[in-house]
Amino acid sequence: MKTLQISEQKARELYKSGSCELKSILEESFGKDFFSQKITDRVKTYEDACTELGISPLNEDKLMDLGLTKHDIAYQKLATIVKALNEGWVPDVCDDRVYRWYPWFVTNGSPSSFAFGVSIYDDAFACAGSGSRLCLKNKELSEYCGKQFIDLWKQFII
């Protein structure tokens, strides 16, 4: 008899498209609750997002030695987290009918609050939103990402 080893990420992938028989086998091995967990229950840290995507976390010291800044690294971490939270969803940035959500931070006197709202000068008008790479597929994930990873957002934005 041979033993099959499978990662948690691969098990979740197989479960999504698997037959009833395969789902039953996977539930016996991992437990039914394992497959019913929401992404927000599985991704609480940057490292969790890496595990979800089956990638290794960044080596920050090596990146800093190469000249990247804390801002650059925070962006890379946020991009990884957003990718994990979106579970394969990629926004169509050319379709203005597709909603894309992103955390919005407001200034209310708290040291952990910050935002950029709008730039106006005479007849010129520019409104800043968010880059498409950090957009999420729904409001719930956007709010979760903004609150759960506020320190990373702050490192990235400020």
N, C-alpha and C. Protein backbone atom coordinates (compact mmCIF):
# COMPACT_ATOMS: atom_id res chain seq x y z
N MET A 1 0.84 -1.19 0.00
CA MET A 1 0.00 0.00 0.00
C MET A 1 0.88 1.24 0.00
N LYS A 2 0.49 2.23 -0.76
CA LYS A 2 1.22 3.50 -0.81
C LYS A 2 0.42 4.57 -0.10
N THR A 3 1.14 5.55 0.43
CA THR A 3 0.51 6.66 1.14
C THR A 3 0.57 7.89 0.25
N LEU A 4 -0.55 8.58 0.16
CA LEU A 4 -0.62 9.81 -0.63
C LEU A 4 -0.60 11.00 0.31
N GLN A 5 0.32 11.93 0.07
CA GLN A 5 0.36 13.15 0.85
C GLN A 5 -0.17 14.29 -0.01
N ILE A 6 -0.98 15.14 0.60
CA ILE A 6 -1.59 16.24 -0.13
C ILE A 6 -1.59 17.48 0.75
N SER A 7 -1.27 18.62 0.17
CA SER A 7 -1.26 19.85 0.95
C SER A 7 -2.69 20.31 1.20
N GLU A 8 -2.85 21.15 2.21
CA GLU A 8 -4.17 21.69 2.50
C GLU A 8 -4.69 22.50 1.33
N GLN A 9 -3.82 23.28 0.70
CA GLN A 9 -4.23 24.09 -0.45
C GLN A 9 -4.73 23.20 -1.58
N LYS A 10 -4.00 22.15 -1.90
CA LYS A 10 -4.40 21.24 -2.99
C LYS A 10 -5.70 20.53 -2.64
N ALA A 11 -5.85 20.14 -1.38
CA ALA A 11 -7.09 19.48 -0.95
C ALA A 11 -8.29 20.40 -1.17
N ARG A 12 -8.14 21.68 -0.85
CA ARG A 12 -9.24 22.64 -1.06
C ARG A 12 -9.55 22.79 -2.55
N GLU A 13 -8.52 22.83 -3.37
CA GLU A 13 -8.72 22.95 -4.82
C GLU A 13 -9.47 21.73 -5.36
N LEU A 14 -9.04 20.54 -4.97
CA LEU A 14 -9.69 19.32 -5.43
C LEU A 14 -11.13 19.22 -4.93
N TYR A 15 -11.35 19.68 -3.73
CA TYR A 15 -12.68 19.61 -3.13
C TYR A 15 -13.69 20.44 -3.92
N LYS A 16 -13.25 21.62 -4.38
CA LYS A 16 -14.16 22.52 -5.10
C LYS A 16 -14.74 21.87 -6.35
N SER A 17 -13.92 21.12 -7.07
CA SER A 17 -14.37 20.55 -8.34
C SER A 17 -14.52 19.04 -8.31
N GLY A 18 -14.35 18.44 -7.14
CA GLY A 18 -14.36 16.99 -7.04
C GLY A 18 -15.74 16.36 -7.06
N SER A 19 -15.75 15.07 -7.34
CA SER A 19 -17.00 14.29 -7.30
C SER A 19 -17.44 14.11 -5.85
N CYS A 20 -18.64 13.63 -5.66
CA CYS A 20 -19.14 13.38 -4.30
C CYS A 20 -18.25 12.38 -3.57
N GLU A 21 -17.76 11.36 -4.31
CA GLU A 21 -16.90 10.35 -3.70
C GLU A 21 -15.58 10.96 -3.23
N LEU A 22 -14.97 11.80 -4.08
CA LEU A 22 -13.71 12.45 -3.70
C LEU A 22 -13.93 13.38 -2.51
N LYS A 23 -15.02 14.14 -2.53
CA LYS A 23 -15.32 15.04 -1.41
C LYS A 23 -15.45 14.24 -0.12
N SER A 24 -16.09 13.09 -0.17
CA SER A 24 -16.26 12.25 1.01
C SER A 24 -14.91 11.78 1.54
N ILE A 25 -14.02 11.37 0.65
CA ILE A 25 -12.68 10.91 1.05
C ILE A 25 -11.90 12.06 1.68
N LEU A 26 -11.96 13.24 1.05
CA LEU A 26 -11.25 14.39 1.59
C LEU A 26 -11.81 14.82 2.95
N GLU A 27 -13.13 14.74 3.12
CA GLU A 27 -13.76 15.08 4.40
C GLU A 27 -13.34 14.11 5.49
N GLU A 28 -13.15 12.84 5.14
CA GLU A 28 -12.68 11.85 6.11
C GLU A 28 -11.26 12.18 6.57
N SER A 29 -10.44 12.65 5.65
CA SER A 29 -9.04 12.94 5.97
C SER A 29 -8.86 14.28 6.68
N PHE A 30 -9.58 15.31 6.24
CA PHE A 30 -9.36 16.65 6.76
C PHE A 30 -10.47 17.13 7.70
N GLY A 31 -11.61 16.47 7.68
CA GLY A 31 -12.75 16.90 8.48
C GLY A 31 -13.65 17.82 7.66
N LYS A 32 -14.93 17.71 7.85
CA LYS A 32 -15.89 18.48 7.06
C LYS A 32 -15.74 19.99 7.32
N ASP A 33 -15.45 20.36 8.57
CA ASP A 33 -15.29 21.78 8.91
C ASP A 33 -14.15 22.43 8.14
N PHE A 34 -13.12 21.66 7.84
CA PHE A 34 -11.97 22.18 7.11
C PHE A 34 -12.39 22.79 5.77
N PHE A 35 -13.36 22.20 5.12
CA PHE A 35 -13.79 22.67 3.80
C PHE A 35 -14.90 23.70 3.87
N SER A 36 -15.47 23.90 5.04
CA SER A 36 -16.54 24.90 5.16
C SER A 36 -16.03 26.22 5.73
N GLN A 37 -14.75 26.28 6.06
CA GLN A 37 -14.18 27.52 6.60
C GLN A 37 -14.21 28.63 5.57
N LYS A 38 -14.55 29.83 6.03
CA LYS A 38 -14.49 31.00 5.17
C LYS A 38 -13.04 31.43 5.03
N ILE A 39 -12.74 32.11 3.96
CA ILE A 39 -11.37 32.59 3.71
C ILE A 39 -10.91 33.51 4.84
N THR A 40 -11.83 34.28 5.42
CA THR A 40 -11.45 35.18 6.51
C THR A 40 -11.11 34.41 7.79
N ASP A 41 -11.54 33.18 7.88
CA ASP A 41 -11.15 32.34 9.02
C ASP A 41 -9.78 31.71 8.79
N ARG A 42 -9.40 31.57 7.53
CA ARG A 42 -8.13 30.93 7.20
C ARG A 42 -6.99 31.92 7.05
N VAL A 43 -7.29 33.16 6.67
CA VAL A 43 -6.24 34.15 6.43
C VAL A 43 -6.33 35.25 7.48
N LYS A 44 -5.52 35.11 8.51
CA LYS A 44 -5.46 36.09 9.60
C LYS A 44 -4.14 36.87 9.58
N THR A 45 -3.15 36.31 8.88
CA THR A 45 -1.82 36.92 8.81
C THR A 45 -1.29 36.83 7.38
N TYR A 46 -0.23 37.56 7.12
CA TYR A 46 0.44 37.46 5.82
C TYR A 46 0.92 36.03 5.58
N GLU A 47 1.44 35.40 6.61
CA GLU A 47 1.93 34.03 6.49
C GLU A 47 0.79 33.08 6.14
N ASP A 48 -0.40 33.31 6.70
CA ASP A 48 -1.58 32.50 6.35
C ASP A 48 -1.90 32.64 4.87
N ALA A 49 -1.80 33.86 4.34
CA ALA A 49 -2.07 34.10 2.92
C ALA A 49 -1.07 33.33 2.06
N CYS A 50 0.19 33.32 2.48
CA CYS A 50 1.21 32.57 1.75
C CYS A 50 0.87 31.07 1.75
N THR A 51 0.48 30.56 2.91
CA THR A 51 0.10 29.15 3.02
C THR A 51 -1.08 28.85 2.10
N GLU A 52 -2.06 29.73 2.10
CA GLU A 52 -3.25 29.56 1.26
C GLU A 52 -2.88 29.48 -0.22
N LEU A 53 -1.89 30.27 -0.63
CA LEU A 53 -1.47 30.30 -2.04
C LEU A 53 -0.36 29.30 -2.35
N GLY A 54 0.17 28.66 -1.32
CA GLY A 54 1.23 27.68 -1.53
C GLY A 54 2.56 28.31 -1.93
N ILE A 55 2.85 29.48 -1.36
CA ILE A 55 4.10 30.18 -1.66
C ILE A 55 4.88 30.42 -0.37
N SER A 56 6.14 30.74 -0.50
CA SER A 56 6.97 31.05 0.66
C SER A 56 6.88 32.54 0.98
N PRO A 57 6.89 32.90 2.26
CA PRO A 57 6.90 34.32 2.63
C PRO A 57 8.16 35.02 2.12
N LEU A 58 8.06 36.32 1.94
CA LEU A 58 9.19 37.12 1.49
C LEU A 58 10.32 37.10 2.51
N ASN A 59 11.54 37.14 2.03
CA ASN A 59 12.70 37.31 2.89
C ASN A 59 12.97 38.81 2.94
N GLU A 60 12.43 39.47 3.95
CA GLU A 60 12.49 40.93 4.03
C GLU A 60 13.91 41.46 4.11
N ASP A 61 14.76 40.80 4.86
CA ASP A 61 16.15 41.26 4.98
C ASP A 61 16.85 41.26 3.62
N LYS A 62 16.66 40.19 2.86
CA LYS A 62 17.28 40.09 1.54
C LYS A 62 16.73 41.18 0.61
N LEU A 63 15.42 41.43 0.68
CA LEU A 63 14.81 42.47 -0.16
C LEU A 63 15.32 43.86 0.21
N MET A 64 15.50 44.11 1.51
CA MET A 64 16.03 45.40 1.95
C MET A 64 17.47 45.57 1.46
N ASP A 65 18.25 44.48 1.50
CA ASP A 65 19.62 44.52 0.99
C ASP A 65 19.65 44.84 -0.50
N LEU A 66 18.60 44.45 -1.22
CA LEU A 66 18.52 44.70 -2.66
C LEU A 66 18.00 46.10 -2.97
N GLY A 67 17.63 46.86 -1.93
CA GLY A 67 17.20 48.23 -2.14
C GLY A 67 15.70 48.49 -2.03
N LEU A 68 14.92 47.46 -1.78
CA LEU A 68 13.49 47.69 -1.60
C LEU A 68 13.25 48.37 -0.26
N THR A 69 12.19 49.14 -0.18
CA THR A 69 11.85 49.86 1.04
C THR A 69 10.75 49.11 1.79
N LYS A 70 10.48 49.53 3.02
CA LYS A 70 9.38 48.94 3.79
C LYS A 70 8.05 49.14 3.06
N HIS A 71 7.93 50.27 2.37
CA HIS A 71 6.73 50.55 1.56
C HIS A 71 6.58 49.49 0.46
N ASP A 72 7.68 49.19 -0.25
CA ASP A 72 7.65 48.19 -1.32
C ASP A 72 7.25 46.82 -0.79
N ILE A 73 7.83 46.47 0.35
CA ILE A 73 7.56 45.16 0.95
C ILE A 73 6.12 45.09 1.44
N ALA A 74 5.62 46.18 2.03
CA ALA A 74 4.22 46.20 2.48
C ALA A 74 3.28 46.00 1.30
N TYR A 75 3.59 46.64 0.16
CA TYR A 75 2.76 46.46 -1.04
C TYR A 75 2.76 45.00 -1.47
N GLN A 76 3.94 44.38 -1.52
CA GLN A 76 4.03 42.98 -1.94
C GLN A 76 3.23 42.07 -1.01
N LYS A 77 3.30 42.35 0.28
CA LYS A 77 2.54 41.55 1.25
C LYS A 77 1.04 41.74 1.05
N LEU A 78 0.61 43.01 0.86
CA LEU A 78 -0.81 43.28 0.63
C LEU A 78 -1.30 42.62 -0.66
N ALA A 79 -0.49 42.64 -1.70
CA ALA A 79 -0.88 42.00 -2.95
C ALA A 79 -1.09 40.50 -2.74
N THR A 80 -0.25 39.89 -1.94
CA THR A 80 -0.39 38.46 -1.63
C THR A 80 -1.66 38.21 -0.82
N ILE A 81 -1.90 39.03 0.18
CA ILE A 81 -3.09 38.89 1.02
C ILE A 81 -4.36 39.06 0.20
N VAL A 82 -4.39 40.09 -0.65
CA VAL A 82 -5.57 40.35 -1.49
C VAL A 82 -5.80 39.18 -2.44
N LYS A 83 -4.74 38.65 -3.02
CA LYS A 83 -4.87 37.50 -3.93
C LYS A 83 -5.47 36.31 -3.19
N ALA A 84 -5.01 36.05 -1.98
CA ALA A 84 -5.54 34.93 -1.20
C ALA A 84 -7.01 35.17 -0.84
N LEU A 85 -7.33 36.37 -0.38
CA LEU A 85 -8.71 36.67 0.02
C LEU A 85 -9.68 36.61 -1.17
N ASN A 86 -9.21 36.95 -2.35
CA ASN A 86 -10.07 36.92 -3.54
C ASN A 86 -10.30 35.52 -4.08
N GLU A 87 -9.56 34.53 -3.60
CA GLU A 87 -9.74 33.12 -3.97
C GLU A 87 -9.89 32.90 -5.48
N GLY A 88 -8.97 33.48 -6.24
CA GLY A 88 -8.98 33.25 -7.68
C GLY A 88 -9.70 34.32 -8.49
N TRP A 89 -10.47 35.17 -7.84
CA TRP A 89 -11.17 36.24 -8.55
C TRP A 89 -10.16 37.30 -8.96
N VAL A 90 -10.18 37.69 -10.23
CA VAL A 90 -9.31 38.75 -10.73
C VAL A 90 -10.21 39.83 -11.33
N PRO A 91 -10.09 41.08 -10.87
CA PRO A 91 -10.98 42.12 -11.38
C PRO A 91 -10.72 42.44 -12.84
N ASP A 92 -11.78 42.67 -13.57
CA ASP A 92 -11.68 43.12 -14.95
C ASP A 92 -11.65 44.63 -14.90
N VAL A 93 -10.46 45.20 -14.96
CA VAL A 93 -10.31 46.65 -14.77
C VAL A 93 -10.84 47.45 -15.95
N CYS A 94 -11.14 46.79 -17.05
CA CYS A 94 -11.67 47.49 -18.22
C CYS A 94 -13.20 47.52 -18.24
N ASP A 95 -13.83 46.79 -17.35
CA ASP A 95 -15.30 46.72 -17.32
C ASP A 95 -15.80 47.58 -16.16
N ASP A 96 -16.38 48.74 -16.49
CA ASP A 96 -16.83 49.64 -15.43
C ASP A 96 -18.11 49.17 -14.74
N ARG A 97 -18.66 48.04 -15.19
CA ARG A 97 -19.84 47.47 -14.51
C ARG A 97 -19.44 46.50 -13.40
N VAL A 98 -18.17 46.17 -13.33
CA VAL A 98 -17.68 45.25 -12.30
C VAL A 98 -17.27 46.05 -11.08
N TYR A 99 -17.90 45.76 -9.95
CA TYR A 99 -17.53 46.43 -8.71
C TYR A 99 -16.23 45.87 -8.19
N ARG A 100 -15.36 46.78 -7.77
CA ARG A 100 -14.08 46.41 -7.16
C ARG A 100 -13.99 47.18 -5.85
N TRP A 101 -13.80 46.47 -4.78
CA TRP A 101 -13.81 47.08 -3.45
C TRP A 101 -12.39 47.24 -2.93
N TYR A 102 -12.16 48.28 -2.15
CA TYR A 102 -10.87 48.49 -1.50
C TYR A 102 -11.12 49.23 -0.18
N PRO A 103 -10.27 48.98 0.81
CA PRO A 103 -10.44 49.68 2.09
C PRO A 103 -10.25 51.18 1.91
N TRP A 104 -11.00 51.94 2.64
CA TRP A 104 -10.90 53.40 2.61
C TRP A 104 -10.65 53.85 4.03
N PHE A 105 -9.59 54.58 4.26
CA PHE A 105 -9.21 54.99 5.60
C PHE A 105 -9.53 56.47 5.77
N VAL A 106 -10.12 56.82 6.89
CA VAL A 106 -10.50 58.21 7.14
C VAL A 106 -9.71 58.76 8.31
N THR A 107 -9.55 60.06 8.33
CA THR A 107 -8.85 60.72 9.42
C THR A 107 -9.88 61.15 10.46
N ASN A 108 -9.73 60.65 11.68
CA ASN A 108 -10.64 61.05 12.75
C ASN A 108 -9.88 61.35 14.04
N GLY A 109 -8.59 61.67 13.89
CA GLY A 109 -7.78 62.00 15.06
C GLY A 109 -7.05 60.81 15.66
N SER A 110 -7.42 59.61 15.29
CA SER A 110 -6.76 58.42 15.81
C SER A 110 -5.45 58.20 15.06
N PRO A 111 -4.38 57.80 15.76
CA PRO A 111 -3.11 57.59 15.07
C PRO A 111 -3.16 56.47 14.05
N SER A 112 -4.15 55.58 14.12
CA SER A 112 -4.20 54.48 13.17
C SER A 112 -5.12 54.79 11.99
N SER A 113 -5.65 56.00 11.91
CA SER A 113 -6.52 56.37 10.80
C SER A 113 -5.79 57.32 9.86
N PHE A 114 -6.00 57.13 8.57
CA PHE A 114 -5.36 57.96 7.58
C PHE A 114 -6.10 57.80 6.27
N ALA A 115 -6.02 58.83 5.39
CA ALA A 115 -6.68 58.72 4.09
C ALA A 115 -6.23 59.83 3.16
N PHE A 116 -6.43 59.61 1.89
CA PHE A 116 -6.31 60.65 0.89
C PHE A 116 -7.64 60.67 0.17
N GLY A 117 -8.25 61.83 0.05
CA GLY A 117 -9.58 61.87 -0.51
C GLY A 117 -9.65 62.38 -1.92
N VAL A 118 -9.21 63.62 -2.14
CA VAL A 118 -9.41 64.22 -3.44
C VAL A 118 -8.40 65.35 -3.65
N SER A 119 -8.07 65.63 -4.91
CA SER A 119 -7.22 66.77 -5.25
C SER A 119 -8.01 67.66 -6.20
N ILE A 120 -8.04 68.94 -5.90
CA ILE A 120 -8.77 69.87 -6.76
C ILE A 120 -7.93 71.13 -6.95
N TYR A 121 -7.86 71.63 -8.18
CA TYR A 121 -7.25 72.91 -8.45
C TYR A 121 -7.95 73.54 -9.64
N ASP A 122 -8.61 74.64 -9.42
CA ASP A 122 -9.31 75.38 -10.46
C ASP A 122 -10.17 74.45 -11.30
N ASP A 123 -9.91 74.34 -12.60
CA ASP A 123 -10.75 73.52 -13.47
C ASP A 123 -10.28 72.06 -13.54
N ALA A 124 -9.16 71.77 -12.93
CA ALA A 124 -8.65 70.41 -12.96
C ALA A 124 -9.19 69.65 -11.76
N PHE A 125 -9.52 68.40 -11.96
CA PHE A 125 -10.06 67.58 -10.88
C PHE A 125 -9.49 66.17 -10.99
N ALA A 126 -9.01 65.69 -9.89
CA ALA A 126 -8.51 64.31 -9.86
C ALA A 126 -9.00 63.64 -8.59
N CYS A 127 -9.48 62.45 -8.71
CA CYS A 127 -9.96 61.71 -7.55
C CYS A 127 -9.14 60.43 -7.45
N ALA A 128 -8.57 60.18 -6.31
CA ALA A 128 -7.73 58.98 -6.14
C ALA A 128 -8.55 57.88 -5.48
N GLY A 129 -8.52 56.74 -6.08
CA GLY A 129 -9.20 55.58 -5.51
C GLY A 129 -8.17 54.58 -5.04
N SER A 130 -8.07 53.47 -5.73
CA SER A 130 -7.10 52.45 -5.36
C SER A 130 -6.63 51.74 -6.62
N GLY A 131 -5.41 51.28 -6.59
CA GLY A 131 -4.91 50.51 -7.71
C GLY A 131 -5.67 49.20 -7.83
N SER A 132 -5.86 48.75 -9.06
CA SER A 132 -6.66 47.54 -9.29
C SER A 132 -6.05 46.29 -8.67
N ARG A 133 -4.75 46.28 -8.44
CA ARG A 133 -4.12 45.08 -7.89
C ARG A 133 -4.49 44.83 -6.43
N LEU A 134 -4.98 45.86 -5.75
CA LEU A 134 -5.34 45.69 -4.34
C LEU A 134 -6.85 45.75 -4.13
N CYS A 135 -7.61 45.49 -5.17
CA CYS A 135 -9.08 45.48 -5.05
C CYS A 135 -9.57 44.10 -4.63
N LEU A 136 -10.67 44.11 -3.92
CA LEU A 136 -11.26 42.87 -3.45
C LEU A 136 -12.63 42.66 -4.09
N LYS A 137 -13.11 41.41 -4.04
CA LYS A 137 -14.31 41.08 -4.79
C LYS A 137 -15.61 41.47 -4.10
N ASN A 138 -15.57 41.82 -2.82
CA ASN A 138 -16.80 42.26 -2.17
C ASN A 138 -16.50 43.14 -0.95
N LYS A 139 -17.52 43.78 -0.47
CA LYS A 139 -17.41 44.73 0.63
C LYS A 139 -16.92 44.05 1.91
N GLU A 140 -17.44 42.87 2.19
CA GLU A 140 -17.05 42.15 3.41
C GLU A 140 -15.54 41.90 3.45
N LEU A 141 -14.98 41.44 2.34
CA LEU A 141 -13.54 41.17 2.29
C LEU A 141 -12.74 42.46 2.39
N SER A 142 -13.23 43.52 1.76
CA SER A 142 -12.55 44.81 1.82
C SER A 142 -12.48 45.34 3.25
N GLU A 143 -13.59 45.27 3.94
CA GLU A 143 -13.62 45.74 5.34
C GLU A 143 -12.72 44.87 6.21
N TYR A 144 -12.77 43.56 6.00
CA TYR A 144 -11.93 42.65 6.77
C TYR A 144 -10.45 42.96 6.52
N CYS A 145 -10.08 43.10 5.25
CA CYS A 145 -8.68 43.36 4.89
C CYS A 145 -8.20 44.68 5.49
N GLY A 146 -9.04 45.71 5.42
CA GLY A 146 -8.66 47.01 5.96
C GLY A 146 -8.46 46.99 7.46
N LYS A 147 -9.28 46.25 8.17
CA LYS A 147 -9.18 46.19 9.63
C LYS A 147 -8.10 45.20 10.09
N GLN A 148 -8.10 44.01 9.51
CA GLN A 148 -7.18 42.96 9.94
C GLN A 148 -5.72 43.31 9.62
N PHE A 149 -5.51 44.02 8.51
CA PHE A 149 -4.14 44.30 8.06
C PHE A 149 -3.84 45.79 8.05
N ILE A 150 -4.44 46.53 8.98
CA ILE A 150 -4.31 47.99 8.99
C ILE A 150 -2.85 48.45 9.10
N ASP A 151 -2.03 47.74 9.84
CA ASP A 151 -0.63 48.14 9.98
C ASP A 151 0.11 48.05 8.64
N LEU A 152 -0.17 47.01 7.86
CA LEU A 152 0.45 46.90 6.54
C LEU A 152 -0.05 47.99 5.60
N TRP A 153 -1.35 48.28 5.65
CA TRP A 153 -1.90 49.36 4.82
C TRP A 153 -1.23 50.69 5.18
N LYS A 154 -1.03 50.90 6.46
CA LYS A 154 -0.41 52.15 6.90
C LYS A 154 1.02 52.23 6.39
N GLN A 155 1.77 51.14 6.48
CA GLN A 155 3.16 51.11 5.96
C GLN A 155 3.17 51.38 4.46
N PHE A 156 2.18 50.86 3.75
CA PHE A 156 2.12 51.02 2.31
C PHE A 156 1.73 52.46 1.91
N ILE A 157 0.74 53.02 2.58
CA ILE A 157 0.19 54.31 2.16
C ILE A 157 1.00 55.48 2.67
N ILE A 158 1.51 55.38 3.89
CA ILE A 158 2.21 56.55 4.46
C ILE A 158 3.69 56.50 4.13
